[in-house]
Amino acid sequence: MSNESEADEAEQDAADETAADAESEQQTESEAEEEAEGLQRGDFIELDYTARTVEGGDLVDTTDPEVAEEEGVGEDQEFGPRTIVLGEGHVFDAVEEDILGSEVGDTGSVTVPAEEAFGEFDEDEVRTISADRIPEDDRYPGAHVDIDGEHGHINTIIGGRARVDFNHPLAGEDIEYDWEVLSEVEDREERAGALLDVFLDMDLEVWFETDTVEEEQLVESDDDDEDEAESEPEYEVVETEKETLYIEATPQLTMNQQWMMGKQQIAQQLTDLLDIDRIIVQEELGGGMGMMGGMGGMMGGMGGGGGDLEEALEDEDIDAEEIVDELEGAEE
């Protein structure tokens, strides 16, 4: 074979290899596109579901009012579809994985193993304690008690000793979830309200506004590095637009334990999931809307609120001493 023929053959082999690589890459991209079809992590969906234990068929949870009525549970509760964000742990991982890639209107059923649901049953969590540690009204089999921060239920109580099971009541149970995706939630206010319901179990009024605010920004110097290191940093006041979520404060919100203990974490999740700049919680005062806690109801991302009252008055060019004099004069 001539050198020319060998070169032609090598060139053809290289061309074939390039074509094969291109075809393989196209197939990979096509497969990736197919995998990305349907509902994905980060999507807000309205979900209907009913969960029961696999072994006994006992109801664990449901959004269906008819199922709740049939089972005689939650007479003082409202049942209805739940809005969740896929990938945020609002339902068990196995349920999320089953929903991913599905479409609105799809249904499914998935079994969540005990270890991924409420944990395996642990014999060591069934302990004998002194009955004196239990309030007298709760000293009977089946009673739910809290001992040293642990929740349990009494199996038996004899004399001065009680046998208490500190396992979750559903420990060791596999759970079967039947689900249906009712819709994809696109409205921003519905999304915000749904998240607050997930976090706080409260229906709060919310709205979005784009606010123009003044902020200080560092002025970049044109001097060389040595001069810049020696000089004081300079700032200028600029106007910026802030995408803001407003939440109406209610007495129930201010007393909500989850809100009191975790408002900064909740604010961070809201800003991330809703793609906003800040959150302002407002309450109605004397027929008008005012920021909750003076100027302290504002949260930018996690960033908790503004300055104190004196600083706020200075920003508005108001003399606090004049206000005090006027109030004292009015009282006289």
C-alpha atoms as a PDB file:
ATOM      1  CA  MET A   1       0.000   0.000   0.000  1.00  0.00           C
ATOM      2  CA  SER A   2       1.364   3.444  -0.895  1.00  0.00           C
ATOM      3  CA  ASN A   3       2.027   6.174   1.596  1.00  0.00           C
ATOM      4  CA  GLU A   4      -0.714   8.200  -0.063  1.00  0.00           C
ATOM      5  CA  SER A   5      -3.268   5.420   0.424  1.00  0.00           C
ATOM      6  CA  GLU A   6      -2.266   5.020   4.077  1.00  0.00           C
ATOM      7  CA  ALA A   7      -2.679   8.760   4.616  1.00  0.00           C
ATOM      8  CA  ASP A   8      -6.117   8.702   2.956  1.00  0.00           C
ATOM      9  CA  GLU A   9      -7.174   5.768   5.126  1.00  0.00           C
ATOM     10  CA  ALA A  10      -5.963   7.470   8.310  1.00  0.00           C
ATOM     11  CA  GLU A  11      -7.775  10.642   7.336  1.00  0.00           C
ATOM     12  CA  GLN A  12     -10.987   8.675   6.718  1.00  0.00           C
ATOM     13  CA  ASP A  13     -10.639   6.892  10.076  1.00  0.00           C
ATOM     14  CA  ALA A  14     -10.230  10.256  11.818  1.00  0.00           C
ATOM     15  CA  ALA A  15     -13.287  11.612  10.020  1.00  0.00           C
ATOM     16  CA  ASP A  16     -15.333   8.560  10.996  1.00  0.00           C
ATOM     17  CA  GLU A  17     -14.201   8.889  14.614  1.00  0.00           C
ATOM     18  CA  THR A  18     -15.121  12.585  14.651  1.00  0.00           C
ATOM     19  CA  ALA A  19     -18.545  11.798  13.189  1.00  0.00           C
ATOM     20  CA  ALA A  20     -19.074   9.053  15.774  1.00  0.00           C
ATOM     21  CA  ASP A  21     -18.103  11.411  18.603  1.00  0.00           C
ATOM     22  CA  ALA A  22     -20.504  14.055  17.279  1.00  0.00           C
ATOM     23  CA  GLU A  23     -23.312  11.522  17.034  1.00  0.00           C
ATOM     24  CA  SER A  24     -22.595  10.276  20.556  1.00  0.00           C
ATOM     25  CA  GLU A  25     -22.599  13.838  21.875  1.00  0.00           C
ATOM     26  CA  GLN A  26     -25.925  14.535  20.160  1.00  0.00           C
ATOM     27  CA  GLN A  27     -27.380  11.373  21.696  1.00  0.00           C
ATOM     28  CA  THR A  28     -26.123  12.424  25.154  1.00  0.00           C
ATOM     29  CA  GLU A  29     -27.659  15.870  24.744  1.00  0.00           C
ATOM     30  CA  SER A  30     -30.894  14.316  23.530  1.00  0.00           C
ATOM     31  CA  GLU A  31     -30.976  11.969  26.516  1.00  0.00           C
ATOM     32  CA  ALA A  32     -30.297  14.893  28.853  1.00  0.00           C
ATOM     33  CA  GLU A  33     -33.158  16.836  27.275  1.00  0.00           C
ATOM     34  CA  GLU A  34     -35.457  13.845  27.701  1.00  0.00           C
ATOM     35  CA  GLU A  35     -34.380  13.492  31.336  1.00  0.00           C
ATOM     36  CA  ALA A  36     -35.061  17.194  31.918  1.00  0.00           C
ATOM     37  CA  GLU A  37     -38.635  16.944  30.642  1.00  0.00           C
ATOM     38  CA  GLY A  38     -41.506  17.240  33.087  1.00  0.00           C
ATOM     39  CA  LEU A  39     -41.452  18.653  36.592  1.00  0.00           C
ATOM     40  CA  GLN A  40     -38.011  19.373  38.039  1.00  0.00           C
ATOM     41  CA  ARG A  41     -36.449  20.493  41.305  1.00  0.00           C
ATOM     42  CA  GLY A  42     -37.395  24.074  42.098  1.00  0.00           C
ATOM     43  CA  ASP A  43     -40.863  23.801  40.553  1.00  0.00           C
ATOM     44  CA  PHE A  44     -43.837  24.855  42.666  1.00  0.00           C
ATOM     45  CA  ILE A  45     -46.691  22.355  42.373  1.00  0.00           C
ATOM     46  CA  GLU A  46     -50.129  21.849  43.875  1.00  0.00           C
ATOM     47  CA  LEU A  47     -50.199  18.291  45.189  1.00  0.00           C
ATOM     48  CA  ASP A  48     -52.999  16.019  46.359  1.00  0.00           C
ATOM     49  CA  TYR A  49     -51.978  12.950  48.350  1.00  0.00           C
ATOM     50  CA  THR A  50     -52.995  10.312  50.863  1.00  0.00           C
ATOM     51  CA  ALA A  51     -50.490   8.349  52.935  1.00  0.00           C
ATOM     52  CA  ARG A  52     -51.235   5.095  54.780  1.00  0.00           C
ATOM     53  CA  THR A  53     -49.199   2.470  56.595  1.00  0.00           C
ATOM     54  CA  VAL A  54     -48.434  -0.480  54.337  1.00  0.00           C
ATOM     55  CA  GLU A  55     -49.065  -3.131  56.981  1.00  0.00           C
ATOM     56  CA  GLY A  56     -52.336  -1.980  58.502  1.00  0.00           C
ATOM     57  CA  GLY A  57     -53.617   0.638  56.056  1.00  0.00           C
ATOM     58  CA  ASP A  58     -53.862   3.208  58.839  1.00  0.00           C
ATOM     59  CA  LEU A  59     -54.178   6.807  57.683  1.00  0.00           C
ATOM     60  CA  VAL A  60     -50.978   8.827  58.185  1.00  0.00           C
ATOM     61  CA  ASP A  61     -51.775  12.033  56.301  1.00  0.00           C
ATOM     62  CA  THR A  62     -54.112  13.279  53.584  1.00  0.00           C
ATOM     63  CA  THR A  63     -55.119  16.400  51.699  1.00  0.00           C
ATOM     64  CA  ASP A  64     -58.475  14.885  50.700  1.00  0.00           C
ATOM     65  CA  PRO A  65     -61.407  16.141  52.828  1.00  0.00           C
ATOM     66  CA  GLU A  66     -63.503  13.098  51.900  1.00  0.00           C
ATOM     67  CA  VAL A  67     -60.823  10.693  53.119  1.00  0.00           C
ATOM     68  CA  ALA A  68     -60.473  12.688  56.345  1.00  0.00           C
ATOM     69  CA  GLU A  69     -64.239  12.584  56.899  1.00  0.00           C
ATOM     70  CA  GLU A  70     -64.386   8.846  56.241  1.00  0.00           C
ATOM     71  CA  GLU A  71     -61.585   8.269  58.744  1.00  0.00           C
ATOM     72  CA  GLY A  72     -63.141  10.636  61.284  1.00  0.00           C
ATOM     73  CA  VAL A  73     -59.997  12.731  61.707  1.00  0.00           C
ATOM     74  CA  GLY A  74     -59.248  16.438  61.793  1.00  0.00           C
ATOM     75  CA  GLU A  75     -62.739  17.736  62.435  1.00  0.00           C
ATOM     76  CA  ASP A  76     -61.281  21.137  63.346  1.00  0.00           C
ATOM     77  CA  GLN A  77     -58.876  21.144  60.380  1.00  0.00           C
ATOM     78  CA  GLU A  78     -59.255  22.259  56.784  1.00  0.00           C
ATOM     79  CA  PHE A  79     -58.141  19.752  54.165  1.00  0.00           C
ATOM     80  CA  GLY A  80     -57.114  20.642  50.643  1.00  0.00           C
ATOM     81  CA  PRO A  81     -54.310  20.382  48.081  1.00  0.00           C
ATOM     82  CA  ARG A  82     -50.874  21.386  49.317  1.00  0.00           C
ATOM     83  CA  THR A  83     -48.380  23.554  47.450  1.00  0.00           C
ATOM     84  CA  ILE A  84     -44.790  22.329  47.718  1.00  0.00           C
ATOM     85  CA  VAL A  85     -41.438  23.086  46.096  1.00  0.00           C
ATOM     86  CA  LEU A  86     -39.779  20.034  44.608  1.00  0.00           C
ATOM     87  CA  GLY A  87     -36.305  19.456  45.963  1.00  0.00           C
ATOM     88  CA  GLU A  88     -36.879  21.376  49.209  1.00  0.00           C
ATOM     89  CA  GLY A  89     -37.799  18.428  51.418  1.00  0.00           C
ATOM     90  CA  HIS A  90     -41.463  19.367  51.776  1.00  0.00           C
ATOM     91  CA  VAL A  91     -42.361  15.692  51.263  1.00  0.00           C
ATOM     92  CA  PHE A  92     -40.297  12.520  51.720  1.00  0.00           C
ATOM     93  CA  ASP A  93     -37.428  12.063  49.250  1.00  0.00           C
ATOM     94  CA  ALA A  94     -38.962   8.916  47.778  1.00  0.00           C
ATOM     95  CA  VAL A  95     -42.161  10.819  46.979  1.00  0.00           C
ATOM     96  CA  GLU A  96     -40.213  13.685  45.376  1.00  0.00           C
ATOM     97  CA  GLU A  97     -38.183  11.270  43.252  1.00  0.00           C
ATOM     98  CA  ASP A  98     -41.402   9.609  42.092  1.00  0.00           C
ATOM     99  CA  ILE A  99     -42.903  12.982  41.087  1.00  0.00           C
ATOM    100  CA  LEU A 100     -39.817  14.328  39.260  1.00  0.00           C
ATOM    101  CA  GLY A 101     -40.261  14.136  35.493  1.00  0.00           C
ATOM    102  CA  SER A 102     -44.036  13.798  35.734  1.00  0.00           C
ATOM    103  CA  GLU A 103     -46.582  16.218  34.267  1.00  0.00           C
ATOM    104  CA  VAL A 104     -49.610  18.053  35.628  1.00  0.00           C
ATOM    105  CA  GLY A 105     -52.438  15.544  35.924  1.00  0.00           C
ATOM    106  CA  ASP A 106     -50.148  12.565  36.530  1.00  0.00           C
ATOM    107  CA  THR A 107     -50.768  10.230  39.451  1.00  0.00           C
ATOM    108  CA  GLY A 108     -48.546   7.742  41.184  1.00  0.00           C
ATOM    109  CA  SER A 109     -47.991   5.533  44.189  1.00  0.00           C
ATOM    110  CA  VAL A 110     -44.720   4.992  46.034  1.00  0.00           C
ATOM    111  CA  THR A 111     -43.704   3.169  49.195  1.00  0.00           C
ATOM    112  CA  VAL A 112     -41.437   5.019  51.626  1.00  0.00           C
ATOM    113  CA  PRO A 113     -39.432   2.504  53.692  1.00  0.00           C
ATOM    114  CA  ALA A 114     -39.537   2.908  57.456  1.00  0.00           C
ATOM    115  CA  GLU A 115     -35.935   4.072  57.767  1.00  0.00           C
ATOM    116  CA  GLU A 116     -36.649   6.942  55.342  1.00  0.00           C
ATOM    117  CA  ALA A 117     -40.018   7.771  56.886  1.00  0.00           C
ATOM    118  CA  PHE A 118     -40.262   7.826  60.686  1.00  0.00           C
ATOM    119  CA  GLY A 119     -37.303   5.599  61.483  1.00  0.00           C
ATOM    120  CA  GLU A 120     -36.873   1.980  62.475  1.00  0.00           C
ATOM    121  CA  PHE A 121     -38.296   0.854  65.795  1.00  0.00           C
ATOM    122  CA  ASP A 122     -35.598   0.993  68.487  1.00  0.00           C
ATOM    123  CA  GLU A 123     -36.103  -1.247  71.519  1.00  0.00           C
ATOM    124  CA  ASP A 124     -33.648   0.901  73.486  1.00  0.00           C
ATOM    125  CA  GLU A 125     -36.095   3.789  73.208  1.00  0.00           C
ATOM    126  CA  VAL A 126     -38.625   1.912  75.352  1.00  0.00           C
ATOM    127  CA  ARG A 127     -37.519   2.805  78.870  1.00  0.00           C
ATOM    128  CA  THR A 128     -38.724   2.397  82.451  1.00  0.00           C
ATOM    129  CA  ILE A 129     -38.961   5.588  84.474  1.00  0.00           C
ATOM    130  CA  SER A 130     -40.356   6.681  87.816  1.00  0.00           C
ATOM    131  CA  ALA A 131     -44.086   7.429  87.656  1.00  0.00           C
ATOM    132  CA  ASP A 132     -43.421  10.530  89.764  1.00  0.00           C
ATOM    133  CA  ARG A 133     -41.904  12.151  86.659  1.00  0.00           C
ATOM    134  CA  ILE A 134     -45.294  11.981  84.931  1.00  0.00           C
ATOM    135  CA  PRO A 135     -48.155  14.388  85.768  1.00  0.00           C
ATOM    136  CA  GLU A 136     -50.906  12.596  87.721  1.00  0.00           C
ATOM    137  CA  ASP A 137     -53.526  13.231  85.017  1.00  0.00           C
ATOM    138  CA  ASP A 138     -51.339  11.421  82.453  1.00  0.00           C
ATOM    139  CA  ARG A 139     -50.555   8.295  84.479  1.00  0.00           C
ATOM    140  CA  TYR A 140     -52.414   5.756  82.331  1.00  0.00           C
ATOM    141  CA  PRO A 141     -51.507   3.441  79.406  1.00  0.00           C
ATOM    142  CA  GLY A 142     -51.656   5.222  76.059  1.00  0.00           C
ATOM    143  CA  ALA A 143     -51.106   8.706  77.466  1.00  0.00           C
ATOM    144  CA  HIS A 144     -48.682  10.950  75.556  1.00  0.00           C
ATOM    145  CA  VAL A 145     -46.056  12.523  77.792  1.00  0.00           C
ATOM    146  CA  ASP A 146     -43.031  14.789  77.527  1.00  0.00           C
ATOM    147  CA  ILE A 147     -40.082  13.809  79.703  1.00  0.00           C
ATOM    148  CA  ASP A 148     -36.879  15.876  79.676  1.00  0.00           C
ATOM    149  CA  GLY A 149     -37.692  17.227  76.232  1.00  0.00           C
ATOM    150  CA  GLU A 150     -38.527  13.797  74.768  1.00  0.00           C
ATOM    151  CA  HIS A 151     -42.018  12.885  73.609  1.00  0.00           C
ATOM    152  CA  GLY A 152     -43.348   9.392  74.217  1.00  0.00           C
ATOM    153  CA  HIS A 153     -46.404   7.363  75.117  1.00  0.00           C
ATOM    154  CA  ILE A 154     -46.991   5.120  78.123  1.00  0.00           C
ATOM    155  CA  ASN A 155     -47.152   1.382  77.442  1.00  0.00           C
ATOM    156  CA  THR A 156     -47.757   0.236  81.008  1.00  0.00           C
ATOM    157  CA  ILE A 157     -47.749   1.762  84.461  1.00  0.00           C
ATOM    158  CA  ILE A 158     -47.523  -0.409  87.562  1.00  0.00           C
ATOM    159  CA  GLY A 159     -47.034   0.975  91.023  1.00  0.00           C
ATOM    160  CA  GLY A 160     -44.382   3.607  90.931  1.00  0.00           C
ATOM    161  CA  ARG A 161     -42.876   2.587  87.588  1.00  0.00           C
ATOM    162  CA  ALA A 162     -43.946   3.428  84.045  1.00  0.00           C
ATOM    163  CA  ARG A 163     -42.843   1.836  80.789  1.00  0.00           C
ATOM    164  CA  VAL A 164     -42.606   4.653  78.205  1.00  0.00           C
ATOM    165  CA  ASP A 165     -42.021   4.250  74.469  1.00  0.00           C
ATOM    166  CA  PHE A 166     -40.046   7.206  73.098  1.00  0.00           C
ATOM    167  CA  ASN A 167     -40.083   5.957  69.497  1.00  0.00           C
ATOM    168  CA  HIS A 168     -42.156   7.887  66.966  1.00  0.00           C
ATOM    169  CA  PRO A 169     -45.668   6.351  66.918  1.00  0.00           C
ATOM    170  CA  LEU A 170     -45.047   5.333  63.276  1.00  0.00           C
ATOM    171  CA  ALA A 171     -41.513   4.019  63.798  1.00  0.00           C
ATOM    172  CA  GLY A 172     -40.952   0.773  61.917  1.00  0.00           C
ATOM    173  CA  GLU A 173     -43.833   1.404  59.512  1.00  0.00           C
ATOM    174  CA  ASP A 174     -43.427   1.526  55.738  1.00  0.00           C
ATOM    175  CA  ILE A 175     -45.650   4.265  54.321  1.00  0.00           C
ATOM    176  CA  GLU A 176     -47.476   4.161  50.985  1.00  0.00           C
ATOM    177  CA  TYR A 177     -48.138   7.515  49.284  1.00  0.00           C
ATOM    178  CA  ASP A 178     -50.761   7.913  46.567  1.00  0.00           C
ATOM    179  CA  TRP A 179     -50.279  11.283  44.865  1.00  0.00           C
ATOM    180  CA  GLU A 180     -51.644  13.457  42.051  1.00  0.00           C
ATOM    181  CA  VAL A 181     -50.131  16.645  40.613  1.00  0.00           C
ATOM    182  CA  LEU A 182     -53.047  19.059  40.230  1.00  0.00           C
ATOM    183  CA  SER A 183     -51.255  22.098  38.816  1.00  0.00           C
ATOM    184  CA  GLU A 184     -47.998  23.986  38.563  1.00  0.00           C
ATOM    185  CA  VAL A 185     -48.088  27.186  40.628  1.00  0.00           C
ATOM    186  CA  GLU A 186     -46.805  30.202  38.677  1.00  0.00           C
ATOM    187  CA  ASP A 187     -48.355  33.160  40.550  1.00  0.00           C
ATOM    188  CA  ARG A 188     -45.736  34.752  42.809  1.00  0.00           C
ATOM    189  CA  GLU A 189     -48.140  35.711  45.592  1.00  0.00           C
ATOM    190  CA  GLU A 190     -49.549  32.184  45.638  1.00  0.00           C
ATOM    191  CA  ARG A 191     -46.006  30.860  45.879  1.00  0.00           C
ATOM    192  CA  ALA A 192     -45.137  33.180  48.769  1.00  0.00           C
ATOM    193  CA  GLY A 193     -48.345  32.397  50.633  1.00  0.00           C
ATOM    194  CA  ALA A 194     -47.843  28.666  50.130  1.00  0.00           C
ATOM    195  CA  LEU A 195     -44.298  28.796  51.499  1.00  0.00           C
ATOM    196  CA  LEU A 196     -45.446  30.675  54.590  1.00  0.00           C
ATOM    197  CA  ASP A 197     -48.143  28.048  55.071  1.00  0.00           C
ATOM    198  CA  VAL A 198     -45.484  25.309  54.852  1.00  0.00           C
ATOM    199  CA  PHE A 199     -43.160  27.080  57.292  1.00  0.00           C
ATOM    200  CA  LEU A 200     -45.724  28.460  59.757  1.00  0.00           C
ATOM    201  CA  ASP A 201     -49.039  26.702  59.026  1.00  0.00           C
ATOM    202  CA  MET A 202     -50.610  30.154  58.612  1.00  0.00           C
ATOM    203  CA  ASP A 203     -52.561  31.908  55.861  1.00  0.00           C
ATOM    204  CA  LEU A 204     -51.040  35.400  55.646  1.00  0.00           C
ATOM    205  CA  GLU A 205     -51.660  38.274  53.254  1.00  0.00           C
ATOM    206  CA  VAL A 206     -48.633  38.913  51.032  1.00  0.00           C
ATOM    207  CA  TRP A 207     -47.795  41.187  48.106  1.00  0.00           C
ATOM    208  CA  PHE A 208     -44.788  42.224  46.022  1.00  0.00           C
ATOM    209  CA  GLU A 209     -43.508  45.698  45.247  1.00  0.00           C
ATOM    210  CA  THR A 210     -40.426  47.098  43.543  1.00  0.00           C
ATOM    211  CA  ASP A 211     -39.076  49.820  45.842  1.00  0.00           C
ATOM    212  CA  THR A 212     -36.465  52.455  45.072  1.00  0.00           C
ATOM    213  CA  VAL A 213     -34.114  52.873  48.012  1.00  0.00           C
ATOM    214  CA  GLU A 214     -30.929  54.799  48.686  1.00  0.00           C
ATOM    215  CA  GLU A 215     -27.782  52.847  49.471  1.00  0.00           C
ATOM    216  CA  GLU A 216     -24.151  53.680  50.106  1.00  0.00           C
ATOM    217  CA  GLN A 217     -21.710  52.175  47.629  1.00  0.00           C
ATOM    218  CA  LEU A 218     -17.920  52.175  47.709  1.00  0.00           C
ATOM    219  CA  VAL A 219     -16.374  54.543  45.151  1.00  0.00           C
ATOM    220  CA  GLU A 220     -13.672  52.820  43.147  1.00  0.00           C
ATOM    221  CA  SER A 221     -10.487  54.863  43.120  1.00  0.00           C
ATOM    222  CA  ASP A 222      -8.380  55.535  39.979  1.00  0.00           C
ATOM    223  CA  ASP A 223      -5.212  55.943  42.083  1.00  0.00           C
ATOM    224  CA  ASP A 224      -2.526  53.279  42.186  1.00  0.00           C
ATOM    225  CA  ASP A 225      -2.660  50.535  44.813  1.00  0.00           C
ATOM    226  CA  GLU A 226      -0.292  52.284  47.248  1.00  0.00           C
ATOM    227  CA  ASP A 227      -2.299  55.520  47.321  1.00  0.00           C
ATOM    228  CA  GLU A 228      -5.542  53.577  47.596  1.00  0.00           C
ATOM    229  CA  ALA A 229      -4.238  51.632  50.608  1.00  0.00           C
ATOM    230  CA  GLU A 230      -3.286  54.853  52.415  1.00  0.00           C
ATOM    231  CA  SER A 231      -6.461  56.835  51.643  1.00  0.00           C
ATOM    232  CA  GLU A 232      -9.789  56.464  53.425  1.00  0.00           C
ATOM    233  CA  PRO A 233     -12.474  54.606  51.442  1.00  0.00           C
ATOM    234  CA  GLU A 234     -15.065  56.879  49.840  1.00  0.00           C
ATOM    235  CA  TYR A 235     -18.757  56.117  49.546  1.00  0.00           C
ATOM    236  CA  GLU A 236     -21.541  57.610  47.480  1.00  0.00           C
ATOM    237  CA  VAL A 237     -25.305  57.386  47.852  1.00  0.00           C
ATOM    238  CA  VAL A 238     -27.027  55.746  44.895  1.00  0.00           C
ATOM    239  CA  GLU A 239     -30.626  54.762  44.204  1.00  0.00           C
ATOM    240  CA  THR A 240     -31.279  51.069  43.634  1.00  0.00           C
ATOM    241  CA  GLU A 241     -34.418  49.037  43.017  1.00  0.00           C
ATOM    242  CA  LYS A 242     -35.301  46.341  45.534  1.00  0.00           C
ATOM    243  CA  GLU A 243     -37.741  43.565  44.770  1.00  0.00           C
ATOM    244  CA  THR A 244     -39.624  43.344  48.059  1.00  0.00           C
ATOM    245  CA  LEU A 245     -42.024  40.822  49.560  1.00  0.00           C
ATOM    246  CA  TYR A 246     -44.432  42.438  52.024  1.00  0.00           C
ATOM    247  CA  ILE A 247     -46.055  40.267  54.685  1.00  0.00           C
ATOM    248  CA  GLU A 248     -48.977  41.506  56.758  1.00  0.00           C
ATOM    249  CA  ALA A 249     -48.248  41.092  60.436  1.00  0.00           C
ATOM    250  CA  THR A 250     -50.988  39.645  62.601  1.00  0.00           C
ATOM    251  CA  PRO A 251     -51.123  38.950  66.345  1.00  0.00           C
ATOM    252  CA  GLN A 252     -51.004  35.247  65.460  1.00  0.00           C
ATOM    253  CA  LEU A 253     -47.793  35.758  63.487  1.00  0.00           C
ATOM    254  CA  THR A 254     -46.022  37.663  66.245  1.00  0.00           C
ATOM    255  CA  MET A 255     -46.881  34.859  68.690  1.00  0.00           C
ATOM    256  CA  ASN A 256     -46.059  32.000  66.315  1.00  0.00           C
ATOM    257  CA  GLN A 257     -43.274  29.857  67.828  1.00  0.00           C
ATOM    258  CA  GLN A 258     -41.716  28.910  64.482  1.00  0.00           C
ATOM    259  CA  TRP A 259     -41.632  32.576  63.486  1.00  0.00           C
ATOM    260  CA  MET A 260     -40.186  33.764  66.783  1.00  0.00           C
ATOM    261  CA  MET A 261     -37.468  31.110  66.810  1.00  0.00           C
ATOM    262  CA  GLY A 262     -36.556  30.993  63.108  1.00  0.00           C
ATOM    263  CA  LYS A 263     -37.588  34.165  61.307  1.00  0.00           C
ATOM    264  CA  GLN A 264     -34.108  34.740  59.869  1.00  0.00           C
ATOM    265  CA  GLN A 265     -33.898  31.228  58.432  1.00  0.00           C
ATOM    266  CA  ILE A 266     -37.424  31.536  57.051  1.00  0.00           C
ATOM    267  CA  ALA A 267     -36.520  34.887  55.493  1.00  0.00           C
ATOM    268  CA  GLN A 268     -33.444  33.367  53.857  1.00  0.00           C
ATOM    269  CA  GLN A 269     -35.475  30.537  52.328  1.00  0.00           C
ATOM    270  CA  LEU A 270     -38.119  32.940  51.065  1.00  0.00           C
ATOM    271  CA  THR A 271     -35.573  35.235  49.412  1.00  0.00           C
ATOM    272  CA  ASP A 272     -33.808  32.283  47.771  1.00  0.00           C
ATOM    273  CA  LEU A 273     -36.903  30.460  46.535  1.00  0.00           C
ATOM    274  CA  LEU A 274     -38.770  33.590  45.398  1.00  0.00           C
ATOM    275  CA  ASP A 275     -35.688  35.373  43.984  1.00  0.00           C
ATOM    276  CA  ILE A 276     -36.286  38.637  45.848  1.00  0.00           C
ATOM    277  CA  ASP A 277     -34.034  41.184  47.538  1.00  0.00           C
ATOM    278  CA  ARG A 278     -35.699  41.678  50.904  1.00  0.00           C
ATOM    279  CA  ILE A 279     -38.758  41.102  53.094  1.00  0.00           C
ATOM    280  CA  ILE A 280     -40.751  43.685  55.031  1.00  0.00           C
ATOM    281  CA  VAL A 281     -43.278  42.632  57.659  1.00  0.00           C
ATOM    282  CA  GLN A 282     -45.973  45.264  58.221  1.00  0.00           C
ATOM    283  CA  GLU A 283     -48.760  45.745  60.706  1.00  0.00           C
ATOM    284  CA  GLU A 284     -51.712  48.097  60.590  1.00  0.00           C
ATOM    285  CA  LEU A 285     -51.505  50.936  63.100  1.00  0.00           C
ATOM    286  CA  GLY A 286     -54.337  53.422  63.503  1.00  0.00           C
ATOM    287  CA  GLY A 287     -55.830  52.721  60.111  1.00  0.00           C
ATOM    288  CA  GLY A 288     -52.496  52.985  58.286  1.00  0.00           C
ATOM    289  CA  MET A 289     -49.772  50.524  57.469  1.00  0.00           C
ATOM    290  CA  GLY A 290     -46.565  50.728  59.449  1.00  0.00           C
ATOM    291  CA  MET A 291     -43.447  48.651  59.728  1.00  0.00           C
ATOM    292  CA  MET A 292     -43.636  46.088  62.492  1.00  0.00           C
ATOM    293  CA  GLY A 293     -41.581  47.005  65.529  1.00  0.00           C
ATOM    294  CA  GLY A 294     -40.874  50.580  64.492  1.00  0.00           C
ATOM    295  CA  MET A 295     -38.216  50.175  61.820  1.00  0.00           C
ATOM    296  CA  GLY A 296     -37.393  46.623  62.835  1.00  0.00           C
ATOM    297  CA  GLY A 297     -39.700  44.709  60.503  1.00  0.00           C
ATOM    298  CA  MET A 298     -37.387  44.793  57.500  1.00  0.00           C
ATOM    299  CA  MET A 299     -35.303  41.805  56.475  1.00  0.00           C
ATOM    300  CA  GLY A 300     -33.076  41.870  53.411  1.00  0.00           C
ATOM    301  CA  GLY A 301     -32.304  38.238  52.712  1.00  0.00           C
ATOM    302  CA  MET A 302     -31.324  37.108  56.182  1.00  0.00           C
ATOM    303  CA  GLY A 303     -30.324  40.646  57.072  1.00  0.00           C
ATOM    304  CA  GLY A 304     -32.446  41.671  60.019  1.00  0.00           C
ATOM    305  CA  GLY A 305     -33.840  45.102  60.349  1.00  0.00           C
ATOM    306  CA  GLY A 306     -32.985  48.771  60.263  1.00  0.00           C
ATOM    307  CA  GLY A 307     -31.666  51.177  62.879  1.00  0.00           C
ATOM    308  CA  ASP A 308     -33.231  52.434  66.088  1.00  0.00           C
ATOM    309  CA  LEU A 309     -35.919  55.107  66.401  1.00  0.00           C
ATOM    310  CA  GLU A 310     -33.507  58.014  66.866  1.00  0.00           C
ATOM    311  CA  GLU A 311     -31.636  57.103  63.690  1.00  0.00           C
ATOM    312  CA  ALA A 312     -34.930  56.820  61.833  1.00  0.00           C
ATOM    313  CA  LEU A 313     -35.962  60.290  63.008  1.00  0.00           C
ATOM    314  CA  GLU A 314     -32.602  61.736  61.985  1.00  0.00           C
ATOM    315  CA  ASP A 315     -32.981  60.216  58.506  1.00  0.00           C
ATOM    316  CA  GLU A 316     -36.322  62.010  58.161  1.00  0.00           C
ATOM    317  CA  ASP A 317     -34.828  65.276  59.496  1.00  0.00           C
ATOM    318  CA  ILE A 318     -37.108  65.256  62.547  1.00  0.00           C
ATOM    319  CA  ASP A 319     -35.990  66.714  65.870  1.00  0.00           C
ATOM    320  CA  ALA A 320     -36.909  64.207  68.575  1.00  0.00           C
ATOM    321  CA  GLU A 321     -36.601  66.837  71.328  1.00  0.00           C
ATOM    322  CA  GLU A 322     -39.139  69.076  69.558  1.00  0.00           C
ATOM    323  CA  ILE A 323     -41.592  66.171  69.447  1.00  0.00           C
ATOM    324  CA  VAL A 324     -41.159  65.592  73.191  1.00  0.00           C
ATOM    325  CA  ASP A 325     -41.704  69.324  73.925  1.00  0.00           C
ATOM    326  CA  GLU A 326     -44.861  69.343  71.807  1.00  0.00           C
ATOM    327  CA  LEU A 327     -46.237  66.252  73.557  1.00  0.00           C
ATOM    328  CA  GLU A 328     -45.518  67.716  77.007  1.00  0.00           C
ATOM    329  CA  GLY A 329     -47.188  70.981  75.974  1.00  0.00           C
ATOM    330  CA  ALA A 330     -50.265  69.080  74.777  1.00  0.00           C
ATOM    331  CA  GLU A 331     -50.537  67.282  78.130  1.00  0.00           C
ATOM    332  CA  GLU A 332     -50.437  70.633  80.015  1.00  0.00           C
END
